[in-house]
C-alpha atoms as a PDB file:
ATOM      1  CA  MET A   1      84.068 105.917  97.852  1.00  0.00           C
ATOM      2  CA  ARG A   2      84.574 102.804  99.976  1.00  0.00           C
ATOM      3  CA  ARG A   3      87.940 102.532 101.764  1.00  0.00           C
ATOM      4  CA  PHE A   4      89.693  99.343 102.813  1.00  0.00           C
ATOM      5  CA  ILE A   5      92.667  99.772 105.149  1.00  0.00           C
ATOM      6  CA  PHE A   6      95.121  96.957 105.820  1.00  0.00           C
ATOM      7  CA  SER A   7      98.681  96.319 106.955  1.00  0.00           C
ATOM      8  CA  ASN A   8     101.358  94.318 105.190  1.00  0.00           C
ATOM      9  CA  ASP A   9     103.761  93.464 108.011  1.00  0.00           C
ATOM     10  CA  SER A  10     104.648  90.016 106.685  1.00  0.00           C
ATOM     11  CA  LEU A  11     104.217  88.023 103.501  1.00  0.00           C
ATOM     12  CA  GLU A  12     101.725  85.775 105.256  1.00  0.00           C
ATOM     13  CA  SER A  13      99.626  88.390 107.063  1.00  0.00           C
ATOM     14  CA  GLY A  14      98.920  90.936 104.312  1.00  0.00           C
ATOM     15  CA  PHE A  15      96.425  88.794 102.399  1.00  0.00           C
ATOM     16  CA  MET A  16      94.381  87.953 105.501  1.00  0.00           C
ATOM     17  CA  SER A  17      94.576  91.557 106.707  1.00  0.00           C
ATOM     18  CA  LEU A  18      93.107  92.745 103.394  1.00  0.00           C
ATOM     19  CA  SER A  19      90.214  90.273 103.560  1.00  0.00           C
ATOM     20  CA  LYS A  20      88.921  91.567 106.921  1.00  0.00           C
ATOM     21  CA  PRO A  21      87.702  95.096 106.036  1.00  0.00           C
ATOM     22  CA  ILE A  22      85.923  93.923 102.848  1.00  0.00           C
ATOM     23  CA  PRO A  23      84.916  91.498 104.554  1.00  0.00           C
ATOM     24  CA  ALA A  24      85.593  88.356 102.513  1.00  0.00           C
ATOM     25  CA  SER A  25      86.182  84.752 103.420  1.00  0.00           C
ATOM     26  CA  VAL A  26      89.415  83.057 102.369  1.00  0.00           C
ATOM     27  CA  ILE A  27      89.196  79.420 101.242  1.00  0.00           C
ATOM     28  CA  ASN A  28      92.216  77.561  99.859  1.00  0.00           C
ATOM     29  CA  ASN A  29      94.180  80.830  99.683  1.00  0.00           C
ATOM     30  CA  THR A  30      91.487  82.380  97.474  1.00  0.00           C
ATOM     31  CA  MET A  31      89.418  85.424  98.465  1.00  0.00           C
ATOM     32  CA  HIS A  32      86.126  85.828  96.597  1.00  0.00           C
ATOM     33  CA  THR A  33      84.579  89.302  96.412  1.00  0.00           C
ATOM     34  CA  PRO A  34      81.238  89.385  98.281  1.00  0.00           C
ATOM     35  CA  GLN A  35      78.287  89.614  95.865  1.00  0.00           C
ATOM     36  CA  HIS A  36      77.103  92.925  97.298  1.00  0.00           C
ATOM     37  CA  ARG A  37      80.525  94.467  96.633  1.00  0.00           C
ATOM     38  CA  GLY A  38      81.254  93.104  93.157  1.00  0.00           C
ATOM     39  CA  SER A  39      82.565  89.988  91.456  1.00  0.00           C
ATOM     40  CA  GLY A  40      85.892  88.232  91.065  1.00  0.00           C
ATOM     41  CA  LEU A  41      88.670  86.884  93.209  1.00  0.00           C
ATOM     42  CA  MET A  42      92.174  87.279  94.566  1.00  0.00           C
ATOM     43  CA  LYS A  43      94.621  84.409  95.038  1.00  0.00           C
ATOM     44  CA  SER A  44      97.708  84.260  97.241  1.00  0.00           C
ATOM     45  CA  ILE A  45     100.225  81.544  96.352  1.00  0.00           C
ATOM     46  CA  PHE A  46     103.298  80.561  98.347  1.00  0.00           C
ATOM     47  CA  LEU A  47     106.165  79.891  95.927  1.00  0.00           C
ATOM     48  CA  GLU A  48     109.055  79.510  98.379  1.00  0.00           C
ATOM     49  CA  ASP A  49     110.302  81.066 101.604  1.00  0.00           C
ATOM     50  CA  GLY A  50     110.298  84.816 101.083  1.00  0.00           C
ATOM     51  CA  LEU A  51     108.386  84.776  97.783  1.00  0.00           C
ATOM     52  CA  TYR A  52     104.628  84.938  97.122  1.00  0.00           C
ATOM     53  CA  LEU A  53     102.460  85.471  94.053  1.00  0.00           C
ATOM     54  CA  ARG A  54      99.178  87.382  94.282  1.00  0.00           C
ATOM     55  CA  TYR A  55      96.678  87.235  91.419  1.00  0.00           C
ATOM     56  CA  THR A  56      93.714  89.634  91.212  1.00  0.00           C
ATOM     57  CA  ARG A  57      90.828  89.653  88.759  1.00  0.00           C
ATOM     58  CA  LEU A  58      87.752  91.499  90.047  1.00  0.00           C
ATOM     59  CA  ARG A  59      85.256  94.332  89.597  1.00  0.00           C
ATOM     60  CA  TYR A  60      83.663  96.467  92.288  1.00  0.00           C
ATOM     61  CA  TYR A  61      80.180  98.024  92.226  1.00  0.00           C
ATOM     62  CA  GLU A  62      81.521 101.278  93.655  1.00  0.00           C
ATOM     63  CA  ASP A  63      84.751 103.277  93.676  1.00  0.00           C
ATOM     64  CA  ILE A  64      87.257 101.636  96.017  1.00  0.00           C
ATOM     65  CA  GLU A  65      90.348 102.970  97.771  1.00  0.00           C
ATOM     66  CA  VAL A  66      92.777 100.417  99.208  1.00  0.00           C
ATOM     67  CA  ILE A  67      95.190 101.876 101.767  1.00  0.00           C
ATOM     68  CA  SER A  68      98.277  99.927 102.773  1.00  0.00           C
ATOM     69  CA  LEU A  69      99.691 101.190 106.071  1.00  0.00           C
ATOM     70  CA  PRO A  70     103.447 101.468 106.709  1.00  0.00           C
ATOM     71  CA  ARG A  71     105.046  98.418 108.286  1.00  0.00           C
ATOM     72  CA  LEU A  72     105.729  98.243 112.005  1.00  0.00           C
ATOM     73  CA  PRO A  73     109.292  99.197 113.003  1.00  0.00           C
ATOM     74  CA  ASP A  74     110.280  95.632 113.887  1.00  0.00           C
ATOM     75  CA  SER A  75     108.661  93.947 110.866  1.00  0.00           C
ATOM     76  CA  ASP A  76     110.264  92.809 107.608  1.00  0.00           C
ATOM     77  CA  ILE A  77     110.723  95.006 104.556  1.00  0.00           C
ATOM     78  CA  ILE A  78     108.539  93.570 101.799  1.00  0.00           C
ATOM     79  CA  PHE A  79     108.641  94.579  98.153  1.00  0.00           C
ATOM     80  CA  ALA A  80     105.682  94.276  95.774  1.00  0.00           C
ATOM     81  CA  LEU A  81     106.323  94.109  92.042  1.00  0.00           C
ATOM     82  CA  SER A  82     102.951  94.688  90.358  1.00  0.00           C
ATOM     83  CA  PHE A  83     102.174  93.940  86.720  1.00  0.00           C
ATOM     84  CA  LEU A  84      99.085  95.823  85.585  1.00  0.00           C
ATOM     85  CA  LEU A  85      97.262  93.740  82.961  1.00  0.00           C
ATOM     86  CA  THR A  86      94.436  96.246  82.409  1.00  0.00           C
ATOM     87  CA  PRO A  87      95.448  99.869  81.745  1.00  0.00           C
ATOM     88  CA  THR A  88      92.765 101.620  83.839  1.00  0.00           C
ATOM     89  CA  SER A  89      92.257  99.095  86.623  1.00  0.00           C
ATOM     90  CA  LEU A  90      93.900 101.093  89.402  1.00  0.00           C
ATOM     91  CA  ASN A  91      95.268 104.528  90.153  1.00  0.00           C
ATOM     92  CA  LEU A  92      98.067 105.215  92.600  1.00  0.00           C
ATOM     93  CA  THR A  93      97.150 108.246  94.725  1.00  0.00           C
ATOM     94  CA  LYS A  94      99.738 111.035  94.657  1.00  0.00           C
ATOM     95  CA  PRO A  95     102.778 108.823  94.200  1.00  0.00           C
ATOM     96  CA  PHE A  96     106.292 110.069  93.489  1.00  0.00           C
ATOM     97  CA  PHE A  97     107.339 108.111  90.422  1.00  0.00           C
ATOM     98  CA  LYS A  98     110.935 107.105  89.890  1.00  0.00           C
ATOM     99  CA  THR A  99     110.894 105.862  86.306  1.00  0.00           C
ATOM    100  CA  ALA A 100     113.233 103.033  85.372  1.00  0.00           C
ATOM    101  CA  GLY A 101     113.277 104.183  81.760  1.00  0.00           C
ATOM    102  CA  GLY A 102     110.857 101.764  80.116  1.00  0.00           C
ATOM    103  CA  GLY A 103     108.658 104.404  78.473  1.00  0.00           C
ATOM    104  CA  TYR A 104     104.977 105.231  78.865  1.00  0.00           C
ATOM    105  CA  PRO A 105     102.389 104.273  79.827  1.00  0.00           C
ATOM    106  CA  ASN A 106     103.940 102.500  82.771  1.00  0.00           C
ATOM    107  CA  ASN A 107     102.360  99.185  83.728  1.00  0.00           C
ATOM    108  CA  ILE A 108     104.965  97.779  86.133  1.00  0.00           C
ATOM    109  CA  PHE A 109     105.189  99.246  89.631  1.00  0.00           C
ATOM    110  CA  LEU A 110     107.667  98.426  92.397  1.00  0.00           C
ATOM    111  CA  THR A 111     106.690  99.498  95.917  1.00  0.00           C
ATOM    112  CA  SER A 112     107.500  98.507  99.485  1.00  0.00           C
ATOM    113  CA  ASN A 113     105.662  98.322 102.792  1.00  0.00           C
ATOM    114  CA  SER A 114     107.900 101.013 104.298  1.00  0.00           C
ATOM    115  CA  THR A 115     105.462 103.825 103.465  1.00  0.00           C
ATOM    116  CA  ARG A 116     101.712 104.389 103.297  1.00  0.00           C
ATOM    117  CA  LEU A 117     100.353 103.676  99.837  1.00  0.00           C
ATOM    118  CA  SER A 118      96.867 104.413  98.492  1.00  0.00           C
ATOM    119  CA  THR A 119      95.396 102.730  95.400  1.00  0.00           C
ATOM    120  CA  GLN A 120      92.026 103.560  93.845  1.00  0.00           C
ATOM    121  CA  ILE A 121      89.966 101.118  91.765  1.00  0.00           C
ATOM    122  CA  PRO A 122      87.172 102.758  89.709  1.00  0.00           C
ATOM    123  CA  GLU A 123      83.644 101.390  89.820  1.00  0.00           C
ATOM    124  CA  GLY A 124      82.927  98.686  87.245  1.00  0.00           C
ATOM    125  CA  VAL A 125      86.478  98.550  85.890  1.00  0.00           C
ATOM    126  CA  LEU A 126      88.218  95.171  85.747  1.00  0.00           C
ATOM    127  CA  SER A 127      91.157  95.132  88.158  1.00  0.00           C
ATOM    128  CA  HIS A 128      93.526  92.581  86.700  1.00  0.00           C
ATOM    129  CA  THR A 129      97.003  92.306  88.194  1.00  0.00           C
ATOM    130  CA  ILE A 130      99.755  89.842  88.957  1.00  0.00           C
ATOM    131  CA  GLU A 131     101.918  90.814  91.927  1.00  0.00           C
ATOM    132  CA  LEU A 132     105.131  89.279  93.168  1.00  0.00           C
ATOM    133  CA  LEU A 133     105.798  89.871  96.860  1.00  0.00           C
ATOM    134  CA  PHE A 134     109.248  89.184  98.269  1.00  0.00           C
ATOM    135  CA  SER A 135     111.347  90.087 101.262  1.00  0.00           C
ATOM    136  CA  ARG A 136     114.515  92.151 101.219  1.00  0.00           C
ATOM    137  CA  GLU A 137     116.428  89.146 102.536  1.00  0.00           C
ATOM    138  CA  TRP A 138     115.111  87.003  99.679  1.00  0.00           C
ATOM    139  CA  LEU A 139     116.409  89.537  97.166  1.00  0.00           C
ATOM    140  CA  PHE A 140     119.884  89.626  98.706  1.00  0.00           C
ATOM    141  CA  THR A 141     120.023  85.828  98.706  1.00  0.00           C
ATOM    142  CA  HIS A 142     118.856  85.282  95.121  1.00  0.00           C
ATOM    143  CA  LEU A 143     120.345  88.279  93.320  1.00  0.00           C
ATOM    144  CA  SER A 144     123.962  87.823  94.284  1.00  0.00           C
ATOM    145  CA  GLY A 145     126.233  90.634  93.140  1.00  0.00           C
ATOM    146  CA  MET A 146     123.428  93.199  93.104  1.00  0.00           C
ATOM    147  CA  GLU A 147     123.667  94.255  96.748  1.00  0.00           C
ATOM    148  CA  GLU A 148     124.376  97.916  95.932  1.00  0.00           C
ATOM    149  CA  LYS A 149     121.375  98.135  93.604  1.00  0.00           C
ATOM    150  CA  ILE A 150     119.058  96.395  96.097  1.00  0.00           C
ATOM    151  CA  GLY A 151     120.184  98.718  98.876  1.00  0.00           C
ATOM    152  CA  SER A 152     119.582 101.814  96.759  1.00  0.00           C
ATOM    153  CA  ILE A 153     116.119 100.606  95.702  1.00  0.00           C
ATOM    154  CA  ALA A 154     115.166  99.808  99.304  1.00  0.00           C
ATOM    155  CA  GLY A 155     116.301 103.262 100.387  1.00  0.00           C
ATOM    156  CA  ALA A 156     114.421 105.003  97.581  1.00  0.00           C
ATOM    157  CA  LEU A 157     111.204 103.173  98.453  1.00  0.00           C
ATOM    158  CA  ALA A 158     111.482 104.030 102.155  1.00  0.00           C
ATOM    159  CA  GLU A 159     111.107 107.802 101.719  1.00  0.00           C
ATOM    160  CA  ASP A 160     108.244 109.309 103.684  1.00  0.00           C
ATOM    161  CA  ALA A 161     106.051 111.360 101.359  1.00  0.00           C
ATOM    162  CA  PRO A 162     104.784 111.373  98.754  1.00  0.00           C
ATOM    163  CA  ALA A 163     104.716 107.600  98.462  1.00  0.00           C
ATOM    164  CA  PRO A 164     107.615 106.554  96.211  1.00  0.00           C
ATOM    165  CA  VAL A 165     106.976 104.143  93.353  1.00  0.00           C
ATOM    166  CA  ILE A 166     109.459 102.844  90.795  1.00  0.00           C
ATOM    167  CA  ALA A 167     107.638 102.570  87.478  1.00  0.00           C
ATOM    168  CA  ASP A 168     108.497 100.778  84.257  1.00  0.00           C
ATOM    169  CA  ARG A 169     106.853  99.389  81.125  1.00  0.00           C
ATOM    170  CA  MET A 170     106.437  95.705  80.280  1.00  0.00           C
ATOM    171  CA  GLN A 171     108.688  94.218  77.650  1.00  0.00           C
ATOM    172  CA  PRO A 172     107.361  91.610  75.169  1.00  0.00           C
ATOM    173  CA  VAL A 173     109.166  88.788  76.973  1.00  0.00           C
ATOM    174  CA  GLU A 174     107.452  89.761  80.240  1.00  0.00           C
ATOM    175  CA  GLU A 175     104.041  89.894  78.587  1.00  0.00           C
ATOM    176  CA  HIS A 176     104.639  86.331  77.364  1.00  0.00           C
ATOM    177  CA  LEU A 177     105.721  85.145  80.810  1.00  0.00           C
ATOM    178  CA  LEU A 178     102.664  86.755  82.436  1.00  0.00           C
ATOM    179  CA  HIS A 179     100.411  85.021  79.911  1.00  0.00           C
ATOM    180  CA  GLU A 180     101.991  81.686  80.884  1.00  0.00           C
ATOM    181  CA  VAL A 181     101.517  82.435  84.590  1.00  0.00           C
ATOM    182  CA  GLU A 182      97.852  83.317  84.159  1.00  0.00           C
ATOM    183  CA  PHE A 183      97.219  80.284  81.919  1.00  0.00           C
ATOM    184  CA  GLU A 184      98.665  78.042  84.632  1.00  0.00           C
ATOM    185  CA  LEU A 185      96.622  79.713  87.381  1.00  0.00           C
ATOM    186  CA  HIS A 186      93.393  78.940  85.533  1.00  0.00           C
ATOM    187  CA  LYS A 187      94.035  75.203  85.594  1.00  0.00           C
ATOM    188  CA  PRO A 188      92.169  73.156  88.242  1.00  0.00           C
ATOM    189  CA  HIS A 189      95.555  71.985  89.566  1.00  0.00           C
ATOM    190  CA  PHE A 190      98.383  74.323  88.635  1.00  0.00           C
ATOM    191  CA  ASN A 191     102.030  73.304  88.394  1.00  0.00           C
ATOM    192  CA  LEU A 192     103.960  75.104  91.134  1.00  0.00           C
ATOM    193  CA  LEU A 193     107.296  74.524  89.383  1.00  0.00           C
ATOM    194  CA  ILE A 194     106.060  76.321  86.266  1.00  0.00           C
ATOM    195  CA  LEU A 195     104.738  79.240  88.326  1.00  0.00           C
ATOM    196  CA  ARG A 196     107.968  79.549  90.258  1.00  0.00           C
ATOM    197  CA  SER A 197     110.218  79.374  87.181  1.00  0.00           C
ATOM    198  CA  ARG A 198     108.213  82.008  85.290  1.00  0.00           C
ATOM    199  CA  THR A 199     108.094  84.197  88.372  1.00  0.00           C
ATOM    200  CA  LEU A 200     111.852  84.059  88.818  1.00  0.00           C
ATOM    201  CA  MET A 201     112.376  84.999  85.165  1.00  0.00           C
ATOM    202  CA  LEU A 202     109.998  87.946  85.557  1.00  0.00           C
ATOM    203  CA  LEU A 203     111.806  89.173  88.649  1.00  0.00           C
ATOM    204  CA  ALA A 204     115.237  88.781  87.077  1.00  0.00           C
ATOM    205  CA  ASN A 205     114.215  90.671  83.934  1.00  0.00           C
ATOM    206  CA  VAL A 206     112.766  93.639  85.810  1.00  0.00           C
ATOM    207  CA  MET A 207     115.367  93.889  88.562  1.00  0.00           C
ATOM    208  CA  ASN A 208     118.280  93.642  86.121  1.00  0.00           C
ATOM    209  CA  ARG A 209     117.194  96.803  84.324  1.00  0.00           C
ATOM    210  CA  MET A 210     116.340  98.766  87.462  1.00  0.00           C
ATOM    211  CA  PRO A 211     118.794 101.645  87.955  1.00  0.00           C
ATOM    212  CA  CYS A 212     120.683 102.379  91.142  1.00  0.00           C
ATOM    213  CA  LEU A 213     118.702 105.193  92.763  1.00  0.00           C
ATOM    214  CA  SER A 214     121.032 106.432  95.478  1.00  0.00           C
END
């Protein structure tokens, strides 16, 4: 199994940090998988200060483990809300699931960069995900009135071991929004306003039904 280790200390640095161990070049915020490793790409899109979208659609020619190291003590807390569009495209290694109550199988995962997280991608399986990355400060600013819930989620995701993950299942409205996001991303020149509006609706839907975990 091939292992790629990277750090996610800021919204800007994580994408470049991931490209180095592969190694893969990044052109126009798009990382193409080297031909000897597999096929496909990963995009990183700046939506606004404190909010990024990461789109992945790739296959590897061997089993892959991607290890995200814990953030440095003086770096920002970053959350990653991952929507898994293919059911077997990745496996979280020994996570401690805190289920939000959406049923099984879970295909939405909320994590943070406060702990070490390991993800395995099986050989030949399409890894197809849309991730929303956002800072703790961005959440407090845009989800006014939910400070207690945000604080409890941040605390739950900062536990040491095993790596904590809040899991949920997509609702039909979220599946529709994700389809619109992916359709826009495939255009030669995507509309940033459409991406941002759909992203905000996705975040609001998921975060509103997240329980307080304190």
